[in-house]
Amino acid sequence: EIERRRALWLRNRPPVALAGRSVIIVDDGIATGATTRVAIKAVRR
């Protein structure tokens, strides 16, 4: 489902390389933070 949405929204543009960069995870607001915490763990890899 993620790949389907990425193709739909990003028109198959490749992901931006994150190694060595400052990465800013942005949302319109954060309530519990559960989703954002998972995103942080994944981005660090």
All heavy atoms as atom14 arrays in JSON, in Angstrom:
{
  "sequence": "EIERRRALWLRNRPPVALAGRSVIIVDDGIATGATTRVAIKAVRR",
  "atom14_mask": [
    [1, 1, 1, 1, 1, 1, 1, 1, 1, 0, 0, 0, 0, 0],
    [1, 1, 1, 1, 1, 1, 1, 1, 0, 0, 0, 0, 0, 0],
    [1, 1, 1, 1, 1, 1, 1, 1, 1, 0, 0, 0, 0, 0],
    [1, 1, 1, 1, 1, 1, 1, 1, 1, 1, 1, 0, 0, 0],
    [1, 1, 1, 1, 1, 1, 1, 1, 1, 1, 1, 0, 0, 0],
    [1, 1, 1, 1, 1, 1, 1, 1, 1, 1, 1, 0, 0, 0],
    [1, 1, 1, 1, 1, 0, 0, 0, 0, 0, 0, 0, 0, 0],
    [1, 1, 1, 1, 1, 1, 1, 1, 0, 0, 0, 0, 0, 0],
    [1, 1, 1, 1, 1, 1, 1, 1, 1, 1, 1, 1, 1, 1],
    [1, 1, 1, 1, 1, 1, 1, 1, 0, 0, 0, 0, 0, 0],
    [1, 1, 1, 1, 1, 1, 1, 1, 1, 1, 1, 0, 0, 0],
    [1, 1, 1, 1, 1, 1, 1, 1, 0, 0, 0, 0, 0, 0],
    [1, 1, 1, 1, 1, 1, 1, 1, 1, 1, 1, 0, 0, 0],
    [1, 1, 1, 1, 1, 1, 1, 0, 0, 0, 0, 0, 0, 0],
    [1, 1, 1, 1, 1, 1, 1, 0, 0, 0, 0, 0, 0, 0],
    [1, 1, 1, 1, 1, 1, 1, 0, 0, 0, 0, 0, 0, 0],
    [1, 1, 1, 1, 1, 0, 0, 0, 0, 0, 0, 0, 0, 0],
    [1, 1, 1, 1, 1, 1, 1, 1, 0, 0, 0, 0, 0, 0],
    [1, 1, 1, 1, 1, 0, 0, 0, 0, 0, 0, 0, 0, 0],
    [1, 1, 1, 1, 0, 0, 0, 0, 0, 0, 0, 0, 0, 0],
    [1, 1, 1, 1, 1, 1, 1, 1, 1, 1, 1, 0, 0, 0],
    [1, 1, 1, 1, 1, 1, 0, 0, 0, 0, 0, 0, 0, 0],
    [1, 1, 1, 1, 1, 1, 1, 0, 0, 0, 0, 0, 0, 0],
    [1, 1, 1, 1, 1, 1, 1, 1, 0, 0, 0, 0, 0, 0],
    [1, 1, 1, 1, 1, 1, 1, 1, 0, 0, 0, 0, 0, 0],
    [1, 1, 1, 1, 1, 1, 1, 0, 0, 0, 0, 0, 0, 0],
    [1, 1, 1, 1, 1, 1, 1, 1, 0, 0, 0, 0, 0, 0],
    [1, 1, 1, 1, 1, 1, 1, 1, 0, 0, 0, 0, 0, 0],
    [1, 1, 1, 1, 0, 0, 0, 0, 0, 0, 0, 0, 0, 0],
    [1, 1, 1, 1, 1, 1, 1, 1, 0, 0, 0, 0, 0, 0],
    [1, 1, 1, 1, 1, 0, 0, 0, 0, 0, 0, 0, 0, 0],
    [1, 1, 1, 1, 1, 1, 1, 0, 0, 0, 0, 0, 0, 0],
    [1, 1, 1, 1, 0, 0, 0, 0, 0, 0, 0, 0, 0, 0],
    [1, 1, 1, 1, 1, 0, 0, 0, 0, 0, 0, 0, 0, 0],
    [1, 1, 1, 1, 1, 1, 1, 0, 0, 0, 0, 0, 0, 0],
    [1, 1, 1, 1, 1, 1, 1, 0, 0, 0, 0, 0, 0, 0],
    [1, 1, 1, 1, 1, 1, 1, 1, 1, 1, 1, 0, 0, 0],
    [1, 1, 1, 1, 1, 1, 1, 0, 0, 0, 0, 0, 0, 0],
    [1, 1, 1, 1, 1, 0, 0, 0, 0, 0, 0, 0, 0, 0],
    [1, 1, 1, 1, 1, 1, 1, 1, 0, 0, 0, 0, 0, 0],
    [1, 1, 1, 1, 1, 1, 1, 1, 1, 0, 0, 0, 0, 0],
    [1, 1, 1, 1, 1, 0, 0, 0, 0, 0, 0, 0, 0, 0],
    [1, 1, 1, 1, 1, 1, 1, 0, 0, 0, 0, 0, 0, 0],
    [1, 1, 1, 1, 1, 1, 1, 1, 1, 1, 1, 0, 0, 0],
    [1, 1, 1, 1, 1, 1, 1, 1, 1, 1, 1, 0, 0, 0]
  ],
  "atom14_positions": [
    [[0.83, -1.2, 0.0], [0.0, 0.0, 0.0], [0.87, 1.26, 0.0], [0.55, 2.25, -0.68], [-0.92, 0.0, 1.22], [-1.78, 1.24, 1.38], [-2.73, 1.5, 0.23], [-2.98, 0.57, -0.58], [-3.24, 2.63, 0.13], [0.0, 0.0, 0.0], [0.0, 0.0, 0.0], [0.0, 0.0, 0.0], [0.0, 0.0, 0.0], [0.0, 0.0, 0.0]],
    [[1.97, 1.23, 0.74], [2.9, 2.36, 0.73], [3.45, 2.59, -0.68], [3.51, 3.73, -1.15], [4.05, 2.12, 1.74], [3.56, 2.36, 3.17], [5.25, 3.01, 1.43], [4.58, 1.99, 4.24], [0.0, 0.0, 0.0], [0.0, 0.0, 0.0], [0.0, 0.0, 0.0], [0.0, 0.0, 0.0], [0.0, 0.0, 0.0], [0.0, 0.0, 0.0]],
    [[3.84, 1.52, -1.35], [4.39, 1.66, -2.69], [3.34, 2.17, -3.66], [3.63, 2.97, -4.56], [4.96, 0.32, -3.16], [6.26, -0.07, -2.47], [7.28, 1.05, -2.5], [7.59, 1.56, -3.61], [7.78, 1.43, -1.43], [0.0, 0.0, 0.0], [0.0, 0.0, 0.0], [0.0, 0.0, 0.0], [0.0, 0.0, 0.0], [0.0, 0.0, 0.0]],
    [[2.08, 1.74, -3.48], [1.01, 2.24, -4.33], [0.84, 3.74, -4.14], [0.71, 4.49, -5.13], [-0.3, 1.52, -3.98], [-1.46, 1.87, -4.91], [-2.78, 1.35, -4.37], [-3.25, 2.14, -3.24], [-3.89, 3.3, -3.34], [-4.12, 3.84, -4.53], [-4.3, 3.94, -2.26], [0.0, 0.0, 0.0], [0.0, 0.0, 0.0], [0.0, 0.0, 0.0]],
    [[0.87, 4.19, -2.9], [0.71, 5.61, -2.63], [1.92, 6.42, -3.1], [1.77, 7.53, -3.6], [0.47, 5.83, -1.13], [-0.85, 5.26, -0.66], [-1.15, 5.61, 0.77], [-2.42, 5.04, 1.19], [-3.19, 5.54, 2.14], [-2.81, 6.63, 2.79], [-4.31, 4.96, 2.47], [0.0, 0.0, 0.0], [0.0, 0.0, 0.0], [0.0, 0.0, 0.0]],
    [[3.1, 5.86, -2.92], [4.3, 6.58, -3.39], [4.23, 6.77, -4.9], [4.54, 7.85, -5.42], [5.57, 5.81, -2.99], [6.85, 6.48, -3.43], [8.08, 5.87, -2.8], [8.29, 6.36, -1.45], [8.89, 7.51, -1.16], [9.32, 8.31, -2.13], [9.07, 7.88, 0.08], [0.0, 0.0, 0.0], [0.0, 0.0, 0.0], [0.0, 0.0, 0.0]],
    [[3.81, 5.74, -5.64], [3.68, 5.86, -7.08], [2.6, 6.88, -7.46], [2.76, 7.66, -8.39], [3.35, 4.5, -7.69], [0.0, 0.0, 0.0], [0.0, 0.0, 0.0], [0.0, 0.0, 0.0], [0.0, 0.0, 0.0], [0.0, 0.0, 0.0], [0.0, 0.0, 0.0], [0.0, 0.0, 0.0], [0.0, 0.0, 0.0], [0.0, 0.0, 0.0]],
    [[1.51, 6.89, -6.7], [0.4, 7.8, -6.98], [0.8, 9.24, -6.7], [0.49, 10.15, -7.49], [-0.8, 7.41, -6.11], [-2.06, 8.25, -6.22], [-2.68, 8.13, -7.61], [-3.06, 7.84, -5.15], [0.0, 0.0, 0.0], [0.0, 0.0, 0.0], [0.0, 0.0, 0.0], [0.0, 0.0, 0.0], [0.0, 0.0, 0.0], [0.0, 0.0, 0.0]],
    [[1.46, 9.47, -5.59], [1.76, 10.83, -5.14], [3.06, 11.38, -5.72], [3.18, 12.56, -5.99], [1.8, 10.89, -3.62], [0.47, 10.67, -2.97], [-0.75, 10.89, -3.53], [0.22, 10.2, -1.64], [-1.75, 10.58, -2.62], [-1.19, 10.16, -1.46], [1.04, 9.81, -0.58], [-1.78, 9.74, -0.26], [0.44, 9.39, 0.6], [-0.95, 9.37, 0.75]],
    [[4.06, 10.52, -5.85], [5.37, 10.98, -6.29], [5.67, 10.64, -7.74], [6.75, 10.97, -8.24], [6.46, 10.4, -5.38], [6.55, 11.06, -4.01], [7.24, 10.14, -3.01], [7.28, 12.38, -4.08], [0.0, 0.0, 0.0], [0.0, 0.0, 0.0], [0.0, 0.0, 0.0], [0.0, 0.0, 0.0], [0.0, 0.0, 0.0], [0.0, 0.0, 0.0]],
    [[4.73, 9.97, -8.41], [4.87, 9.66, -9.84], [6.19, 8.93, -10.11], [6.88, 9.2, -11.09], [4.77, 10.93, -10.68], [3.61, 11.86, -10.27], [2.28, 11.4, -10.81], [1.15, 12.07, -10.2], [0.67, 13.27, -10.59], [1.26, 13.94, -11.55], [-0.39, 13.79, -10.01], [0.0, 0.0, 0.0], [0.0, 0.0, 0.0], [0.0, 0.0, 0.0]],
    [[6.56, 8.04, -9.16], [7.74, 7.18, -9.29], [9.07, 7.94, -9.27], [10.1, 7.41, -9.7], [7.64, 6.31, -10.55], [6.49, 5.32, -10.45], [6.34, 4.65, -9.44], [5.69, 5.23, -11.5], [0.0, 0.0, 0.0], [0.0, 0.0, 0.0], [0.0, 0.0, 0.0], [0.0, 0.0, 0.0], [0.0, 0.0, 0.0], [0.0, 0.0, 0.0]],
    [[9.06, 9.19, -8.78], [10.35, 9.85, -8.56], [11.09, 9.1, -7.46], [10.49, 8.69, -6.47], [10.14, 11.31, -8.14], [9.66, 12.21, -9.27], [9.71, 13.68, -8.88], [8.81, 13.99, -7.77], [7.52, 14.25, -7.91], [6.95, 14.21, -9.11], [6.78, 14.54, -6.87], [0.0, 0.0, 0.0], [0.0, 0.0, 0.0], [0.0, 0.0, 0.0]],
    [[12.4, 8.91, -7.59], [13.15, 8.14, -6.59], [13.22, 8.89, -5.26], [13.2, 10.13, -5.23], [14.54, 7.97, -7.21], [14.65, 9.13, -8.16], [13.27, 9.36, -8.69], [0.0, 0.0, 0.0], [0.0, 0.0, 0.0], [0.0, 0.0, 0.0], [0.0, 0.0, 0.0], [0.0, 0.0, 0.0], [0.0, 0.0, 0.0], [0.0, 0.0, 0.0]],
    [[13.31, 8.16, -4.14], [13.45, 8.82, -2.84], [14.72, 9.66, -2.78], [15.72, 9.35, -3.41], [13.53, 7.64, -1.85], [12.91, 6.49, -2.57], [13.24, 6.69, -4.02], [0.0, 0.0, 0.0], [0.0, 0.0, 0.0], [0.0, 0.0, 0.0], [0.0, 0.0, 0.0], [0.0, 0.0, 0.0], [0.0, 0.0, 0.0], [0.0, 0.0, 0.0]],
    [[14.67, 10.73, -2.0], [15.84, 11.58, -1.81], [16.81, 10.88, -0.85], [16.39, 10.34, 0.18], [15.42, 12.94, -1.21], [16.64, 13.81, -0.94], [14.46, 13.66, -2.15], [0.0, 0.0, 0.0], [0.0, 0.0, 0.0], [0.0, 0.0, 0.0], [0.0, 0.0, 0.0], [0.0, 0.0, 0.0], [0.0, 0.0, 0.0], [0.0, 0.0, 0.0]],
    [[18.08, 10.87, -1.18], [19.09, 10.26, -0.32], [19.22, 11.06, 0.97], [19.29, 12.3, 0.94], [20.43, 10.19, -1.04], [0.0, 0.0, 0.0], [0.0, 0.0, 0.0], [0.0, 0.0, 0.0], [0.0, 0.0, 0.0], [0.0, 0.0, 0.0], [0.0, 0.0, 0.0], [0.0, 0.0, 0.0], [0.0, 0.0, 0.0], [0.0, 0.0, 0.0]],
    [[19.28, 10.38, 2.11], [19.3, 11.05, 3.4], [20.67, 11.0, 4.09], [20.9, 11.74, 5.04], [18.26, 10.41, 4.34], [16.81, 10.35, 3.83], [15.92, 9.72, 4.87], [16.31, 11.74, 3.45], [0.0, 0.0, 0.0], [0.0, 0.0, 0.0], [0.0, 0.0, 0.0], [0.0, 0.0, 0.0], [0.0, 0.0, 0.0], [0.0, 0.0, 0.0]],
    [[21.55, 10.15, 3.62], [22.84, 9.96, 4.3], [23.61, 11.27, 4.38], [23.79, 11.97, 3.38], [23.67, 8.91, 3.57], [0.0, 0.0, 0.0], [0.0, 0.0, 0.0], [0.0, 0.0, 0.0], [0.0, 0.0, 0.0], [0.0, 0.0, 0.0], [0.0, 0.0, 0.0], [0.0, 0.0, 0.0], [0.0, 0.0, 0.0], [0.0, 0.0, 0.0]],
    [[24.04, 11.6, 5.59], [24.85, 12.79, 5.81], [24.09, 14.1, 5.79], [24.69, 15.17, 5.95], [0.0, 0.0, 0.0], [0.0, 0.0, 0.0], [0.0, 0.0, 0.0], [0.0, 0.0, 0.0], [0.0, 0.0, 0.0], [0.0, 0.0, 0.0], [0.0, 0.0, 0.0], [0.0, 0.0, 0.0], [0.0, 0.0, 0.0], [0.0, 0.0, 0.0]],
    [[22.78, 14.07, 5.61], [21.99, 15.29, 5.52], [21.26, 15.56, 6.84], [21.06, 14.66, 7.66], [20.93, 15.17, 4.41], [21.45, 14.78, 3.04], [22.13, 15.92, 2.31], [21.18, 16.91, 1.81], [20.64, 16.88, 0.61], [20.92, 15.89, -0.24], [19.84, 17.85, 0.21], [0.0, 0.0, 0.0], [0.0, 0.0, 0.0], [0.0, 0.0, 0.0]],
    [[20.87, 16.81, 7.04], [19.96, 17.15, 8.14], [18.54, 16.89, 7.64], [18.12, 17.48, 6.64], [20.11, 18.62, 8.54], [21.36, 18.84, 9.16], [0.0, 0.0, 0.0], [0.0, 0.0, 0.0], [0.0, 0.0, 0.0], [0.0, 0.0, 0.0], [0.0, 0.0, 0.0], [0.0, 0.0, 0.0], [0.0, 0.0, 0.0], [0.0, 0.0, 0.0]],
    [[17.83, 15.99, 8.31], [16.5, 15.59, 7.88], [15.46, 16.19, 8.82], [15.57, 16.04, 10.05], [16.37, 14.06, 7.85], [14.94, 13.65, 7.47], [17.37, 13.46, 6.87], [0.0, 0.0, 0.0], [0.0, 0.0, 0.0], [0.0, 0.0, 0.0], [0.0, 0.0, 0.0], [0.0, 0.0, 0.0], [0.0, 0.0, 0.0], [0.0, 0.0, 0.0]],
    [[14.49, 16.87, 8.25], [13.43, 17.51, 9.04], [12.12, 16.79, 8.75], [11.59, 16.85, 7.64], [13.3, 19.01, 8.69], [14.66, 19.71, 8.82], [12.26, 19.67, 9.6], [14.64, 21.16, 8.35], [0.0, 0.0, 0.0], [0.0, 0.0, 0.0], [0.0, 0.0, 0.0], [0.0, 0.0, 0.0], [0.0, 0.0, 0.0], [0.0, 0.0, 0.0]],
    [[11.59, 16.09, 9.74], [10.31, 15.39, 9.63], [9.21, 16.37, 10.01], [9.22, 16.92, 11.11], [10.28, 14.15, 10.54], [11.38, 13.16, 10.15], [8.91, 13.47, 10.48], [11.56, 12.01, 11.14], [0.0, 0.0, 0.0], [0.0, 0.0, 0.0], [0.0, 0.0, 0.0], [0.0, 0.0, 0.0], [0.0, 0.0, 0.0], [0.0, 0.0, 0.0]],
    [[8.27, 16.58, 9.09], [7.26, 17.63, 9.26], [5.85, 17.04, 9.21], [5.56, 16.17, 8.39], [7.42, 18.7, 8.16], [6.3, 19.74, 8.25], [8.78, 19.38, 8.25], [0.0, 0.0, 0.0], [0.0, 0.0, 0.0], [0.0, 0.0, 0.0], [0.0, 0.0, 0.0], [0.0, 0.0, 0.0], [0.0, 0.0, 0.0], [0.0, 0.0, 0.0]],
    [[4.98, 17.54, 10.1], [3.56, 17.2, 10.04], [2.75, 18.44, 10.34], [3.3, 19.47, 10.75], [3.23, 16.08, 11.03], [2.03, 15.24, 10.59], [1.33, 15.66, 9.65], [1.79, 14.17, 11.2], [0.0, 0.0, 0.0], [0.0, 0.0, 0.0], [0.0, 0.0, 0.0], [0.0, 0.0, 0.0], [0.0, 0.0, 0.0], [0.0, 0.0, 0.0]],
    [[1.42, 18.36, 10.14], [0.58, 19.53, 10.39], [0.24, 19.7, 11.87], [-0.37, 20.68, 12.28], [-0.71, 19.48, 9.56], [-1.51, 18.21, 9.76], [-1.17, 17.41, 10.67], [-2.49, 17.99, 9.02], [0.0, 0.0, 0.0], [0.0, 0.0, 0.0], [0.0, 0.0, 0.0], [0.0, 0.0, 0.0], [0.0, 0.0, 0.0], [0.0, 0.0, 0.0]],
    [[0.66, 18.75, 12.67], [0.45, 18.76, 14.11], [0.71, 17.36, 14.61], [0.64, 16.39, 13.84], [0.0, 0.0, 0.0], [0.0, 0.0, 0.0], [0.0, 0.0, 0.0], [0.0, 0.0, 0.0], [0.0, 0.0, 0.0], [0.0, 0.0, 0.0], [0.0, 0.0, 0.0], [0.0, 0.0, 0.0], [0.0, 0.0, 0.0], [0.0, 0.0, 0.0]],
    [[1.05, 17.22, 15.86], [1.37, 15.91, 16.43], [0.56, 15.75, 17.71], [0.59, 16.61, 18.58], [2.87, 15.77, 16.71], [3.68, 15.96, 15.41], [3.19, 14.41, 17.32], [5.18, 16.0, 15.61], [0.0, 0.0, 0.0], [0.0, 0.0, 0.0], [0.0, 0.0, 0.0], [0.0, 0.0, 0.0], [0.0, 0.0, 0.0], [0.0, 0.0, 0.0]],
    [[-0.15, 14.64, 17.81], [-0.97, 14.39, 19.0], [-0.24, 13.45, 19.95], [0.41, 13.89, 20.89], [-2.32, 13.82, 18.58], [0.0, 0.0, 0.0], [0.0, 0.0, 0.0], [0.0, 0.0, 0.0], [0.0, 0.0, 0.0], [0.0, 0.0, 0.0], [0.0, 0.0, 0.0], [0.0, 0.0, 0.0], [0.0, 0.0, 0.0], [0.0, 0.0, 0.0]],
    [[-0.29, 12.14, 19.7], [0.39, 11.19, 20.6], [1.87, 11.06, 20.29], [2.66, 10.7, 21.17], [-0.24, 9.8, 20.5], [0.02, 9.25, 19.2], [-1.74, 9.86, 20.74], [0.0, 0.0, 0.0], [0.0, 0.0, 0.0], [0.0, 0.0, 0.0], [0.0, 0.0, 0.0], [0.0, 0.0, 0.0], [0.0, 0.0, 0.0], [0.0, 0.0, 0.0]],
    [[2.25, 11.31, 19.03], [3.65, 11.17, 18.63], [4.04, 9.77, 18.21], [5.19, 9.54, 17.82], [0.0, 0.0, 0.0], [0.0, 0.0, 0.0], [0.0, 0.0, 0.0], [0.0, 0.0, 0.0], [0.0, 0.0, 0.0], [0.0, 0.0, 0.0], [0.0, 0.0, 0.0], [0.0, 0.0, 0.0], [0.0, 0.0, 0.0], [0.0, 0.0, 0.0]],
    [[3.12, 8.81, 18.26], [3.46, 7.42, 17.96], [3.99, 7.27, 16.53], [5.03, 6.64, 16.3], [2.25, 6.53, 18.17], [0.0, 0.0, 0.0], [0.0, 0.0, 0.0], [0.0, 0.0, 0.0], [0.0, 0.0, 0.0], [0.0, 0.0, 0.0], [0.0, 0.0, 0.0], [0.0, 0.0, 0.0], [0.0, 0.0, 0.0], [0.0, 0.0, 0.0]],
    [[3.3, 7.85, 15.57], [3.72, 7.75, 14.18], [5.05, 8.44, 13.96], [5.95, 7.92, 13.28], [2.65, 8.37, 13.26], [1.43, 7.64, 13.41], [3.09, 8.34, 11.81], [0.0, 0.0, 0.0], [0.0, 0.0, 0.0], [0.0, 0.0, 0.0], [0.0, 0.0, 0.0], [0.0, 0.0, 0.0], [0.0, 0.0, 0.0], [0.0, 0.0, 0.0]],
    [[5.22, 9.6, 14.56], [6.46, 10.36, 14.39], [7.65, 9.61, 15.0], [8.75, 9.62, 14.43], [6.32, 11.74, 15.05], [5.12, 12.36, 14.6], [7.5, 12.63, 14.7], [0.0, 0.0, 0.0], [0.0, 0.0, 0.0], [0.0, 0.0, 0.0], [0.0, 0.0, 0.0], [0.0, 0.0, 0.0], [0.0, 0.0, 0.0], [0.0, 0.0, 0.0]],
    [[7.44, 8.96, 16.13], [8.53, 8.22, 16.77], [8.99, 7.06, 15.89], [10.19, 6.77, 15.79], [8.09, 7.72, 18.13], [7.83, 8.85, 19.14], [7.23, 8.33, 20.42], [8.2, 7.57, 21.19], [7.88, 6.85, 22.28], [6.62, 6.81, 22.69], [8.81, 6.2, 22.93], [0.0, 0.0, 0.0], [0.0, 0.0, 0.0], [0.0, 0.0, 0.0]],
    [[8.06, 6.38, 15.25], [8.42, 5.3, 14.32], [9.19, 5.87, 13.14], [10.18, 5.3, 12.69], [7.15, 4.56, 13.85], [7.49, 3.57, 12.75], [6.49, 3.84, 15.02], [0.0, 0.0, 0.0], [0.0, 0.0, 0.0], [0.0, 0.0, 0.0], [0.0, 0.0, 0.0], [0.0, 0.0, 0.0], [0.0, 0.0, 0.0], [0.0, 0.0, 0.0]],
    [[8.75, 7.03, 12.64], [9.44, 7.67, 11.52], [10.87, 8.03, 11.89], [11.8, 7.85, 11.09], [8.67, 8.91, 11.07], [0.0, 0.0, 0.0], [0.0, 0.0, 0.0], [0.0, 0.0, 0.0], [0.0, 0.0, 0.0], [0.0, 0.0, 0.0], [0.0, 0.0, 0.0], [0.0, 0.0, 0.0], [0.0, 0.0, 0.0], [0.0, 0.0, 0.0]],
    [[11.08, 8.54, 13.09], [12.43, 8.89, 13.54], [13.34, 7.67, 13.51], [14.48, 7.72, 13.0], [12.39, 9.49, 14.96], [11.72, 10.86, 14.96], [13.81, 9.6, 15.54], [11.4, 11.39, 16.35], [0.0, 0.0, 0.0], [0.0, 0.0, 0.0], [0.0, 0.0, 0.0], [0.0, 0.0, 0.0], [0.0, 0.0, 0.0], [0.0, 0.0, 0.0]],
    [[12.86, 6.55, 14.04], [13.67, 5.32, 14.08], [14.04, 4.86, 12.68], [15.18, 4.46, 12.41], [12.89, 4.22, 14.8], [12.73, 4.44, 16.3], [11.95, 3.31, 16.93], [11.76, 3.54, 18.42], [10.98, 2.46, 19.07], [0.0, 0.0, 0.0], [0.0, 0.0, 0.0], [0.0, 0.0, 0.0], [0.0, 0.0, 0.0], [0.0, 0.0, 0.0]],
    [[13.09, 4.94, 11.76], [13.35, 4.49, 10.4], [14.32, 5.41, 9.69], [15.24, 4.96, 9.01], [12.04, 4.41, 9.63], [0.0, 0.0, 0.0], [0.0, 0.0, 0.0], [0.0, 0.0, 0.0], [0.0, 0.0, 0.0], [0.0, 0.0, 0.0], [0.0, 0.0, 0.0], [0.0, 0.0, 0.0], [0.0, 0.0, 0.0], [0.0, 0.0, 0.0]],
    [[14.15, 6.71, 9.86], [15.02, 7.69, 9.18], [16.46, 7.55, 9.67], [17.41, 7.67, 8.88], [14.48, 9.11, 9.4], [15.51, 10.16, 9.0], [13.18, 9.32, 8.62], [0.0, 0.0, 0.0], [0.0, 0.0, 0.0], [0.0, 0.0, 0.0], [0.0, 0.0, 0.0], [0.0, 0.0, 0.0], [0.0, 0.0, 0.0], [0.0, 0.0, 0.0]],
    [[16.64, 7.29, 10.94], [18.01, 7.15, 11.47], [18.79, 6.03, 10.78], [20.01, 6.12, 10.65], [17.96, 6.91, 12.98], [17.63, 8.16, 13.79], [18.12, 8.02, 15.22], [17.68, 9.1, 16.07], [18.27, 10.31, 16.12], [19.3, 10.57, 15.34], [17.81, 11.24, 16.94], [0.0, 0.0, 0.0], [0.0, 0.0, 0.0], [0.0, 0.0, 0.0]],
    [[18.1, 5.01, 10.34], [18.79, 3.89, 9.67], [19.44, 4.31, 8.36], [20.34, 3.64, 7.87], [17.8, 2.75, 9.41], [17.45, 1.96, 10.65], [16.58, 0.77, 10.34], [17.17, -0.11, 9.32], [16.62, -1.26, 8.95], [15.48, -1.65, 9.48], [17.2, -2.01, 8.03], [0.0, 0.0, 0.0], [0.0, 0.0, 0.0], [0.0, 0.0, 0.0]]
  ]
}
